[in-house]
Amino acid sequence: MLTSAKEDQSLPIYAARVHTTLKDGRKYSKDCIYVRGHPKNPFTVSELVDKLRDCVPYCAYELSDSVVNSLIDSLLNLEKVDNAVNDLILPLTPGQS
């Protein structure tokens, strides 16, 4: 399989045009103007949580499951967070969680 990418300045920023050619010669194309997560193509809550969990392994230091779960709970209930530093910042600070 061959994959390539090139910039298309006729598309809005972050948009993509995908062209696929199957082995039998059939061709398919699709413009993806609003990437997943864009206000016009928002994530579901489940997709947002899954994306956060997918990013956790790439953190600068290891986050425990309990810290991740606490962060998710705080983010999904932001209106109930009394102290953003304690609930959101300190858990992401080395030696503070």
PDB file of N, CA and C in Angstrom:
ATOM      1  N   MET A   1       0.841  -1.168   0.000  1.00  0.00           N
ATOM      2  CA  MET A   1       0.000   0.000   0.000  1.00  0.00           C
ATOM      3  C   MET A   1       0.885   1.230   0.000  1.00  0.00           C
ATOM      4  N   LEU A   2       0.523   2.206  -0.790  1.00  0.00           N
ATOM      5  CA  LEU A   2       1.268   3.451  -0.890  1.00  0.00           C
ATOM      6  C   LEU A   2       0.435   4.566  -0.274  1.00  0.00           C
ATOM      7  N   THR A   3       1.050   5.323   0.607  1.00  0.00           N
ATOM      8  CA  THR A   3       0.385   6.456   1.230  1.00  0.00           C
ATOM      9  C   THR A   3       1.246   7.682   1.011  1.00  0.00           C
ATOM     10  N   SER A   4       0.608   8.781   0.651  1.00  0.00           N
ATOM     11  CA  SER A   4       1.342  10.029   0.496  1.00  0.00           C
ATOM     12  C   SER A   4       0.460  11.173   0.969  1.00  0.00           C
ATOM     13  N   ALA A   5       1.068  12.309   1.201  1.00  0.00           N
ATOM     14  CA  ALA A   5       0.332  13.492   1.635  1.00  0.00           C
ATOM     15  C   ALA A   5       0.951  14.712   0.972  1.00  0.00           C
ATOM     16  N   LYS A   6       0.089  15.676   0.670  1.00  0.00           N
ATOM     17  CA  LYS A   6       0.580  16.949   0.160  1.00  0.00           C
ATOM     18  C   LYS A   6      -0.409  18.032   0.560  1.00  0.00           C
ATOM     19  N   GLU A   7       0.101  19.223   0.736  1.00  0.00           N
ATOM     20  CA  GLU A   7      -0.723  20.346   1.141  1.00  0.00           C
ATOM     21  C   GLU A   7      -1.599  20.797  -0.026  1.00  0.00           C
ATOM     22  N   ASP A   8      -2.849  21.105   0.296  1.00  0.00           N
ATOM     23  CA  ASP A   8      -3.769  21.646  -0.691  1.00  0.00           C
ATOM     24  C   ASP A   8      -4.272  22.972  -0.145  1.00  0.00           C
ATOM     25  N   GLN A   9      -3.732  24.058  -0.658  1.00  0.00           N
ATOM     26  CA  GLN A   9      -4.049  25.381  -0.123  1.00  0.00           C
ATOM     27  C   GLN A   9      -5.474  25.820  -0.441  1.00  0.00           C
ATOM     28  N   SER A  10      -6.185  25.069  -1.264  1.00  0.00           N
ATOM     29  CA  SER A  10      -7.578  25.410  -1.546  1.00  0.00           C
ATOM     30  C   SER A  10      -8.518  24.966  -0.425  1.00  0.00           C
ATOM     31  N   LEU A  11      -7.995  24.139   0.478  1.00  0.00           N
ATOM     32  CA  LEU A  11      -8.802  23.651   1.604  1.00  0.00           C
ATOM     33  C   LEU A  11      -8.564  24.522   2.841  1.00  0.00           C
ATOM     34  N   PRO A  12      -9.576  24.634   3.704  1.00  0.00           N
ATOM     35  CA  PRO A  12      -9.368  25.357   4.962  1.00  0.00           C
ATOM     36  C   PRO A  12      -8.325  24.651   5.826  1.00  0.00           C
ATOM     37  N   ILE A  13      -7.748  25.390   6.759  1.00  0.00           N
ATOM     38  CA  ILE A  13      -6.756  24.809   7.657  1.00  0.00           C
ATOM     39  C   ILE A  13      -7.360  23.602   8.382  1.00  0.00           C
ATOM     40  N   TYR A  14      -6.602  22.568   8.552  1.00  0.00           N
ATOM     41  CA  TYR A  14      -6.961  21.303   9.209  1.00  0.00           C
ATOM     42  C   TYR A  14      -7.910  20.433   8.393  1.00  0.00           C
ATOM     43  N   ALA A  15      -8.354  20.886   7.248  1.00  0.00           N
ATOM     44  CA  ALA A  15      -9.205  20.051   6.407  1.00  0.00           C
ATOM     45  C   ALA A  15      -8.329  19.067   5.642  1.00  0.00           C
ATOM     46  N   ALA A  16      -8.964  18.048   5.095  1.00  0.00           N
ATOM     47  CA  ALA A  16      -8.211  17.044   4.344  1.00  0.00           C
ATOM     48  C   ALA A  16      -9.053  16.551   3.172  1.00  0.00           C
ATOM     49  N   ARG A  17      -8.381  16.167   2.127  1.00  0.00           N
ATOM     50  CA  ARG A  17      -9.025  15.522   0.978  1.00  0.00           C
ATOM     51  C   ARG A  17      -8.349  14.162   0.854  1.00  0.00           C
ATOM     52  N   VAL A  18      -9.159  13.126   0.852  1.00  0.00           N
ATOM     53  CA  VAL A  18      -8.633  11.760   0.809  1.00  0.00           C
ATOM     54  C   VAL A  18      -9.024  11.125  -0.520  1.00  0.00           C
ATOM     55  N   HIS A  19      -8.021  10.562  -1.197  1.00  0.00           N
ATOM     56  CA  HIS A  19      -8.246   9.819  -2.435  1.00  0.00           C
ATOM     57  C   HIS A  19      -7.770   8.389  -2.197  1.00  0.00           C
ATOM     58  N   THR A  20      -8.609   7.433  -2.546  1.00  0.00           N
ATOM     59  CA  THR A  20      -8.263   6.026  -2.374  1.00  0.00           C
ATOM     60  C   THR A  20      -8.506   5.295  -3.688  1.00  0.00           C
ATOM     61  N   THR A  21      -7.528   4.505  -4.096  1.00  0.00           N
ATOM     62  CA  THR A  21      -7.683   3.660  -5.272  1.00  0.00           C
ATOM     63  C   THR A  21      -7.541   2.211  -4.827  1.00  0.00           C
ATOM     64  N   LEU A  22      -8.564   1.429  -5.087  1.00  0.00           N
ATOM     65  CA  LEU A  22      -8.546   0.017  -4.709  1.00  0.00           C
ATOM     66  C   LEU A  22      -7.763  -0.801  -5.731  1.00  0.00           C
ATOM     67  N   LYS A  23      -7.385  -2.006  -5.346  1.00  0.00           N
ATOM     68  CA  LYS A  23      -6.617  -2.868  -6.250  1.00  0.00           C
ATOM     69  C   LYS A  23      -7.358  -3.125  -7.557  1.00  0.00           C
ATOM     70  N   ASP A  24      -8.690  -3.147  -7.494  1.00  0.00           N
ATOM     71  CA  ASP A  24      -9.464  -3.402  -8.718  1.00  0.00           C
ATOM     72  C   ASP A  24      -9.673  -2.145  -9.572  1.00  0.00           C
ATOM     73  N   GLY A  25      -9.056  -1.021  -9.145  1.00  0.00           N
ATOM     74  CA  GLY A  25      -9.109   0.207  -9.925  1.00  0.00           C
ATOM     75  C   GLY A  25     -10.193   1.189  -9.510  1.00  0.00           C
ATOM     76  N   ARG A  26     -11.120   0.769  -8.662  1.00  0.00           N
ATOM     77  CA  ARG A  26     -12.154   1.712  -8.221  1.00  0.00           C
ATOM     78  C   ARG A  26     -11.508   2.823  -7.400  1.00  0.00           C
ATOM     79  N   LYS A  27     -12.046   4.032  -7.571  1.00  0.00           N
ATOM     80  CA  LYS A  27     -11.492   5.196  -6.882  1.00  0.00           C
ATOM     81  C   LYS A  27     -12.575   5.857  -6.039  1.00  0.00           C
ATOM     82  N   TYR A  28     -12.164   6.304  -4.869  1.00  0.00           N
ATOM     83  CA  TYR A  28     -13.052   7.006  -3.957  1.00  0.00           C
ATOM     84  C   TYR A  28     -12.338   8.261  -3.467  1.00  0.00           C
ATOM     85  N   SER A  29     -13.103   9.328  -3.295  1.00  0.00           N
ATOM     86  CA  SER A  29     -12.557  10.581  -2.767  1.00  0.00           C
ATOM     87  C   SER A  29     -13.545  11.166  -1.772  1.00  0.00           C
ATOM     88  N   LYS A  30     -12.996  11.849  -0.779  1.00  0.00           N
ATOM     89  CA  LYS A  30     -13.846  12.518   0.201  1.00  0.00           C
ATOM     90  C   LYS A  30     -13.096  13.717   0.757  1.00  0.00           C
ATOM     91  N   ASP A  31     -13.814  14.829   0.877  1.00  0.00           N
ATOM     92  CA  ASP A  31     -13.281  16.007   1.551  1.00  0.00           C
ATOM     93  C   ASP A  31     -13.750  15.960   2.998  1.00  0.00           C
ATOM     94  N   CYS A  32     -12.825  16.115   3.911  1.00  0.00           N
ATOM     95  CA  CYS A  32     -13.125  16.160   5.341  1.00  0.00           C
ATOM     96  C   CYS A  32     -12.828  17.587   5.793  1.00  0.00           C
ATOM     97  N   ILE A  33     -13.824  18.440   5.710  1.00  0.00           N
ATOM     98  CA  ILE A  33     -13.634  19.865   5.982  1.00  0.00           C
ATOM     99  C   ILE A  33     -13.558  20.138   7.473  1.00  0.00           C
ATOM    100  N   TYR A  34     -14.414  19.491   8.222  1.00  0.00           N
ATOM    101  CA  TYR A  34     -14.449  19.708   9.675  1.00  0.00           C
ATOM    102  C   TYR A  34     -13.942  18.455  10.376  1.00  0.00           C
ATOM    103  N   VAL A  35     -12.695  18.511  10.841  1.00  0.00           N
ATOM    104  CA  VAL A  35     -12.090  17.358  11.509  1.00  0.00           C
ATOM    105  C   VAL A  35     -12.873  17.024  12.770  1.00  0.00           C
ATOM    106  N   ARG A  36     -12.740  15.798  13.221  1.00  0.00           N
ATOM    107  CA  ARG A  36     -13.418  15.357  14.442  1.00  0.00           C
ATOM    108  C   ARG A  36     -12.930  16.220  15.592  1.00  0.00           C
ATOM    109  N   GLY A  37     -13.861  16.767  16.344  1.00  0.00           N
ATOM    110  CA  GLY A  37     -13.525  17.651  17.444  1.00  0.00           C
ATOM    111  C   GLY A  37     -13.773  19.113  17.120  1.00  0.00           C
ATOM    112  N   HIS A  38     -13.938  19.423  15.829  1.00  0.00           N
ATOM    113  CA  HIS A  38     -14.277  20.788  15.416  1.00  0.00           C
ATOM    114  C   HIS A  38     -15.690  21.091  15.932  1.00  0.00           C
ATOM    115  N   PRO A  39     -15.987  22.363  16.268  1.00  0.00           N
ATOM    116  CA  PRO A  39     -17.336  22.684  16.740  1.00  0.00           C
ATOM    117  C   PRO A  39     -18.458  22.234  15.790  1.00  0.00           C
ATOM    118  N   LYS A  40     -18.159  22.152  14.496  1.00  0.00           N
ATOM    119  CA  LYS A  40     -19.174  21.695  13.544  1.00  0.00           C
ATOM    120  C   LYS A  40     -19.158  20.181  13.355  1.00  0.00           C
ATOM    121  N   ASN A  41     -18.244  19.492  14.046  1.00  0.00           N
ATOM    122  CA  ASN A  41     -18.164  18.030  14.007  1.00  0.00           C
ATOM    123  C   ASN A  41     -17.631  17.565  15.371  1.00  0.00           C
ATOM    124  N   PRO A  42     -18.382  17.867  16.429  1.00  0.00           N
ATOM    125  CA  PRO A  42     -17.848  17.644  17.783  1.00  0.00           C
ATOM    126  C   PRO A  42     -17.717  16.177  18.162  1.00  0.00           C
ATOM    127  N   PHE A  43     -16.813  15.954  19.120  1.00  0.00           N
ATOM    128  CA  PHE A  43     -16.683  14.641  19.730  1.00  0.00           C
ATOM    129  C   PHE A  43     -17.915  14.350  20.568  1.00  0.00           C
ATOM    130  N   THR A  44     -18.265  13.087  20.707  1.00  0.00           N
ATOM    131  CA  THR A  44     -19.193  12.690  21.756  1.00  0.00           C
ATOM    132  C   THR A  44     -18.390  12.671  23.050  1.00  0.00           C
ATOM    133  N   VAL A  45     -19.059  12.621  24.180  1.00  0.00           N
ATOM    134  CA  VAL A  45     -18.352  12.553  25.460  1.00  0.00           C
ATOM    135  C   VAL A  45     -17.468  11.305  25.490  1.00  0.00           C
ATOM    136  N   SER A  46     -17.987  10.210  25.021  1.00  0.00           N
ATOM    137  CA  SER A  46     -17.220   8.957  25.000  1.00  0.00           C
ATOM    138  C   SER A  46     -15.965   9.083  24.137  1.00  0.00           C
ATOM    139  N   GLU A  47     -16.090   9.713  22.968  1.00  0.00           N
ATOM    140  CA  GLU A  47     -14.926   9.905  22.090  1.00  0.00           C
ATOM    141  C   GLU A  47     -13.892  10.826  22.736  1.00  0.00           C
ATOM    142  N   LEU A  48     -14.368  11.849  23.434  1.00  0.00           N
ATOM    143  CA  LEU A  48     -13.461  12.769  24.116  1.00  0.00           C
ATOM    144  C   LEU A  48     -12.677  12.046  25.206  1.00  0.00           C
ATOM    145  N   VAL A  49     -13.377  11.241  25.999  1.00  0.00           N
ATOM    146  CA  VAL A  49     -12.719  10.469  27.055  1.00  0.00           C
ATOM    147  C   VAL A  49     -11.729   9.478  26.443  1.00  0.00           C
ATOM    148  N   ASP A  50     -12.138   8.807  25.379  1.00  0.00           N
ATOM    149  CA  ASP A  50     -11.236   7.849  24.714  1.00  0.00           C
ATOM    150  C   ASP A  50      -9.985   8.553  24.190  1.00  0.00           C
ATOM    151  N   LYS A  51     -10.156   9.743  23.614  1.00  0.00           N
ATOM    152  CA  LYS A  51      -8.997  10.481  23.095  1.00  0.00           C
ATOM    153  C   LYS A  51      -8.053  10.871  24.231  1.00  0.00           C
ATOM    154  N   LEU A  52      -8.608  11.335  25.340  1.00  0.00           N
ATOM    155  CA  LEU A  52      -7.767  11.675  26.482  1.00  0.00           C
ATOM    156  C   LEU A  52      -6.985  10.443  26.943  1.00  0.00           C
ATOM    157  N   ARG A  53      -7.681   9.313  27.071  1.00  0.00           N
ATOM    158  CA  ARG A  53      -7.005   8.079  27.501  1.00  0.00           C
ATOM    159  C   ARG A  53      -5.936   7.641  26.494  1.00  0.00           C
ATOM    160  N   ASP A  54      -6.191   7.847  25.212  1.00  0.00           N
ATOM    161  CA  ASP A  54      -5.197   7.506  24.185  1.00  0.00           C
ATOM    162  C   ASP A  54      -3.949   8.376  24.297  1.00  0.00           C
ATOM    163  N   CYS A  55      -4.101   9.603  24.790  1.00  0.00           N
ATOM    164  CA  CYS A  55      -2.971  10.534  24.906  1.00  0.00           C
ATOM    165  C   CYS A  55      -2.146  10.314  26.175  1.00  0.00           C
ATOM    166  N   VAL A  56      -2.765   9.725  27.195  1.00  0.00           N
ATOM    167  CA  VAL A  56      -2.101   9.557  28.496  1.00  0.00           C
ATOM    168  C   VAL A  56      -0.735   8.861  28.393  1.00  0.00           C
ATOM    169  N   PRO A  57      -0.570   7.810  27.587  1.00  0.00           N
ATOM    170  CA  PRO A  57       0.748   7.166  27.521  1.00  0.00           C
ATOM    171  C   PRO A  57       1.866   8.090  27.020  1.00  0.00           C
ATOM    172  N   TYR A  58       1.520   9.206  26.408  1.00  0.00           N
ATOM    173  CA  TYR A  58       2.521  10.125  25.870  1.00  0.00           C
ATOM    174  C   TYR A  58       2.822  11.288  26.811  1.00  0.00           C
ATOM    175  N   CYS A  59       2.269  11.233  28.021  1.00  0.00           N
ATOM    176  CA  CYS A  59       2.546  12.283  29.009  1.00  0.00           C
ATOM    177  C   CYS A  59       4.034  12.273  29.364  1.00  0.00           C
ATOM    178  N   ALA A  60       4.516  13.388  29.857  1.00  0.00           N
ATOM    179  CA  ALA A  60       5.923  13.519  30.235  1.00  0.00           C
ATOM    180  C   ALA A  60       6.285  12.575  31.374  1.00  0.00           C
ATOM    181  N   TYR A  61       5.324  12.243  32.216  1.00  0.00           N
ATOM    182  CA  TYR A  61       5.545  11.256  33.266  1.00  0.00           C
ATOM    183  C   TYR A  61       4.281  10.439  33.425  1.00  0.00           C
ATOM    184  N   GLU A  62       4.406   9.274  34.043  1.00  0.00           N
ATOM    185  CA  GLU A  62       3.291   8.336  34.141  1.00  0.00           C
ATOM    186  C   GLU A  62       2.187   8.867  35.050  1.00  0.00           C
ATOM    187  N   LEU A  63       0.955   8.773  34.565  1.00  0.00           N
ATOM    188  CA  LEU A  63      -0.214   9.131  35.368  1.00  0.00           C
ATOM    189  C   LEU A  63      -0.929   7.846  35.773  1.00  0.00           C
ATOM    190  N   SER A  64      -1.258   7.749  37.049  1.00  0.00           N
ATOM    191  CA  SER A  64      -1.970   6.559  37.524  1.00  0.00           C
ATOM    192  C   SER A  64      -3.398   6.567  37.008  1.00  0.00           C
ATOM    193  N   ASP A  65      -4.007   5.399  36.991  1.00  0.00           N
ATOM    194  CA  ASP A  65      -5.400   5.305  36.564  1.00  0.00           C
ATOM    195  C   ASP A  65      -6.297   6.169  37.434  1.00  0.00           C
ATOM    196  N   SER A  66      -6.009   6.224  38.731  1.00  0.00           N
ATOM    197  CA  SER A  66      -6.850   7.024  39.626  1.00  0.00           C
ATOM    198  C   SER A  66      -6.744   8.517  39.293  1.00  0.00           C
ATOM    199  N   VAL A  67      -5.555   8.991  38.930  1.00  0.00           N
ATOM    200  CA  VAL A  67      -5.390  10.396  38.540  1.00  0.00           C
ATOM    201  C   VAL A  67      -6.139  10.666  37.239  1.00  0.00           C
ATOM    202  N   VAL A  68      -6.006   9.781  36.283  1.00  0.00           N
ATOM    203  CA  VAL A  68      -6.693   9.954  35.003  1.00  0.00           C
ATOM    204  C   VAL A  68      -8.207   9.961  35.220  1.00  0.00           C
ATOM    205  N   ASN A  69      -8.697   9.025  36.000  1.00  0.00           N
ATOM    206  CA  ASN A  69     -10.135   8.957  36.267  1.00  0.00           C
ATOM    207  C   ASN A  69     -10.627  10.209  36.982  1.00  0.00           C
ATOM    208  N   SER A  70      -9.844  10.719  37.923  1.00  0.00           N
ATOM    209  CA  SER A  70     -10.198  11.932  38.642  1.00  0.00           C
ATOM    210  C   SER A  70     -10.227  13.139  37.702  1.00  0.00           C
ATOM    211  N   LEU A  71      -9.243  13.240  36.822  1.00  0.00           N
ATOM    212  CA  LEU A  71      -9.207  14.325  35.841  1.00  0.00           C
ATOM    213  C   LEU A  71     -10.427  14.273  34.920  1.00  0.00           C
ATOM    214  N   ILE A  72     -10.740  13.083  34.442  1.00  0.00           N
ATOM    215  CA  ILE A  72     -11.899  12.926  33.556  1.00  0.00           C
ATOM    216  C   ILE A  72     -13.166  13.352  34.284  1.00  0.00           C
ATOM    217  N   ASP A  73     -13.319  12.905  35.521  1.00  0.00           N
ATOM    218  CA  ASP A  73     -14.502  13.277  36.294  1.00  0.00           C
ATOM    219  C   ASP A  73     -14.585  14.795  36.469  1.00  0.00           C
ATOM    220  N   SER A  74     -13.465  15.414  36.794  1.00  0.00           N
ATOM    221  CA  SER A  74     -13.448  16.870  36.975  1.00  0.00           C
ATOM    222  C   SER A  74     -13.761  17.599  35.670  1.00  0.00           C
ATOM    223  N   LEU A  75     -13.179  17.142  34.575  1.00  0.00           N
ATOM    224  CA  LEU A  75     -13.415  17.793  33.286  1.00  0.00           C
ATOM    225  C   LEU A  75     -14.858  17.644  32.827  1.00  0.00           C
ATOM    226  N   LEU A  76     -15.455  16.473  33.083  1.00  0.00           N
ATOM    227  CA  LEU A  76     -16.837  16.253  32.671  1.00  0.00           C
ATOM    228  C   LEU A  76     -17.835  16.953  33.584  1.00  0.00           C
ATOM    229  N   ASN A  77     -17.366  17.393  34.735  1.00  0.00           N
ATOM    230  CA  ASN A  77     -18.226  18.085  35.698  1.00  0.00           C
ATOM    231  C   ASN A  77     -17.600  19.418  36.093  1.00  0.00           C
ATOM    232  N   LEU A  78     -17.069  20.118  35.129  1.00  0.00           N
ATOM    233  CA  LEU A  78     -16.306  21.333  35.363  1.00  0.00           C
ATOM    234  C   LEU A  78     -17.086  22.377  36.165  1.00  0.00           C
ATOM    235  N   GLU A  79     -18.383  22.428  35.958  1.00  0.00           N
ATOM    236  CA  GLU A  79     -19.198  23.411  36.686  1.00  0.00           C
ATOM    237  C   GLU A  79     -19.209  23.146  38.191  1.00  0.00           C
ATOM    238  N   LYS A  80     -18.825  21.946  38.603  1.00  0.00           N
ATOM    239  CA  LYS A  80     -18.799  21.599  40.027  1.00  0.00           C
ATOM    240  C   LYS A  80     -17.402  21.703  40.637  1.00  0.00           C
ATOM    241  N   VAL A  81     -16.397  22.016  39.817  1.00  0.00           N
ATOM    242  CA  VAL A  81     -15.024  22.123  40.301  1.00  0.00           C
ATOM    243  C   VAL A  81     -14.878  23.429  41.083  1.00  0.00           C
ATOM    244  N   ASP A  82     -14.533  23.297  42.368  1.00  0.00           N
ATOM    245  CA  ASP A  82     -14.367  24.479  43.213  1.00  0.00           C
ATOM    246  C   ASP A  82     -12.977  25.092  43.069  1.00  0.00           C
ATOM    247  N   ASN A  83     -11.972  24.238  42.833  1.00  0.00           N
ATOM    248  CA  ASN A  83     -10.604  24.722  42.795  1.00  0.00           C
ATOM    249  C   ASN A  83      -9.887  24.053  41.620  1.00  0.00           C
ATOM    250  N   ALA A  84      -9.804  24.771  40.494  1.00  0.00           N
ATOM    251  CA  ALA A  84      -9.207  24.208  39.281  1.00  0.00           C
ATOM    252  C   ALA A  84      -7.754  23.820  39.485  1.00  0.00           C
ATOM    253  N   VAL A  85      -7.027  24.558  40.306  1.00  0.00           N
ATOM    254  CA  VAL A  85      -5.616  24.227  40.558  1.00  0.00           C
ATOM    255  C   VAL A  85      -5.536  22.863  41.226  1.00  0.00           C
ATOM    256  N   ASN A  86      -6.295  22.662  42.286  1.00  0.00           N
ATOM    257  CA  ASN A  86      -6.251  21.386  43.012  1.00  0.00           C
ATOM    258  C   ASN A  86      -6.772  20.222  42.181  1.00  0.00           C
ATOM    259  N   ASP A  87      -7.847  20.462  41.432  1.00  0.00           N
ATOM    260  CA  ASP A  87      -8.497  19.363  40.717  1.00  0.00           C
ATOM    261  C   ASP A  87      -7.926  19.086  39.334  1.00  0.00           C
ATOM    262  N   LEU A  88      -7.341  20.096  38.695  1.00  0.00           N
ATOM    263  CA  LEU A  88      -6.882  19.912  37.318  1.00  0.00           C
ATOM    264  C   LEU A  88      -5.387  20.107  37.113  1.00  0.00           C
ATOM    265  N   ILE A  89      -4.794  21.047  37.797  1.00  0.00           N
ATOM    266  CA  ILE A  89      -3.384  21.363  37.568  1.00  0.00           C
ATOM    267  C   ILE A  89      -2.459  20.475  38.412  1.00  0.00           C
ATOM    268  N   LEU A  90      -2.705  20.417  39.696  1.00  0.00           N
ATOM    269  CA  LEU A  90      -1.806  19.636  40.572  1.00  0.00           C
ATOM    270  C   LEU A  90      -1.725  18.158  40.199  1.00  0.00           C
ATOM    271  N   PRO A  91      -2.824  17.517  39.804  1.00  0.00           N
ATOM    272  CA  PRO A  91      -2.696  16.107  39.393  1.00  0.00           C
ATOM    273  C   PRO A  91      -1.772  15.905  38.189  1.00  0.00           C
ATOM    274  N   LEU A  92      -1.559  16.967  37.423  1.00  0.00           N
ATOM    275  CA  LEU A  92      -0.674  16.879  36.244  1.00  0.00           C
ATOM    276  C   LEU A  92       0.738  17.379  36.532  1.00  0.00           C
ATOM    277  N   THR A  93       0.996  17.699  37.798  1.00  0.00           N
ATOM    278  CA  THR A  93       2.286  18.235  38.205  1.00  0.00           C
ATOM    279  C   THR A  93       3.099  17.136  38.891  1.00  0.00           C
ATOM    280  N   PRO A  94       4.302  16.859  38.410  1.00  0.00           N
ATOM    281  CA  PRO A  94       5.117  15.788  39.021  1.00  0.00           C
ATOM    282  C   PRO A  94       5.250  15.969  40.534  1.00  0.00           C
ATOM    283  N   GLY A  95       5.050  14.869  41.246  1.00  0.00           N
ATOM    284  CA  GLY A  95       5.216  14.875  42.695  1.00  0.00           C
ATOM    285  C   GLY A  95       4.039  15.439  43.461  1.00  0.00           C
ATOM    286  N   GLN A  96       2.981  15.851  42.758  1.00  0.00           N
ATOM    287  CA  GLN A  96       1.844  16.464  43.442  1.00  0.00           C
ATOM    288  C   GLN A  96       0.612  15.564  43.465  1.00  0.00           C
ATOM    289  N   SER A  97       0.586  14.530  42.656  1.00  0.00           N
ATOM    290  CA  SER A  97      -0.632  13.701  42.586  1.00  0.00           C
ATOM    291  C   SER A  97      -0.640  12.637  43.659  1.00  0.00           C
TER     292      SER A  97
END
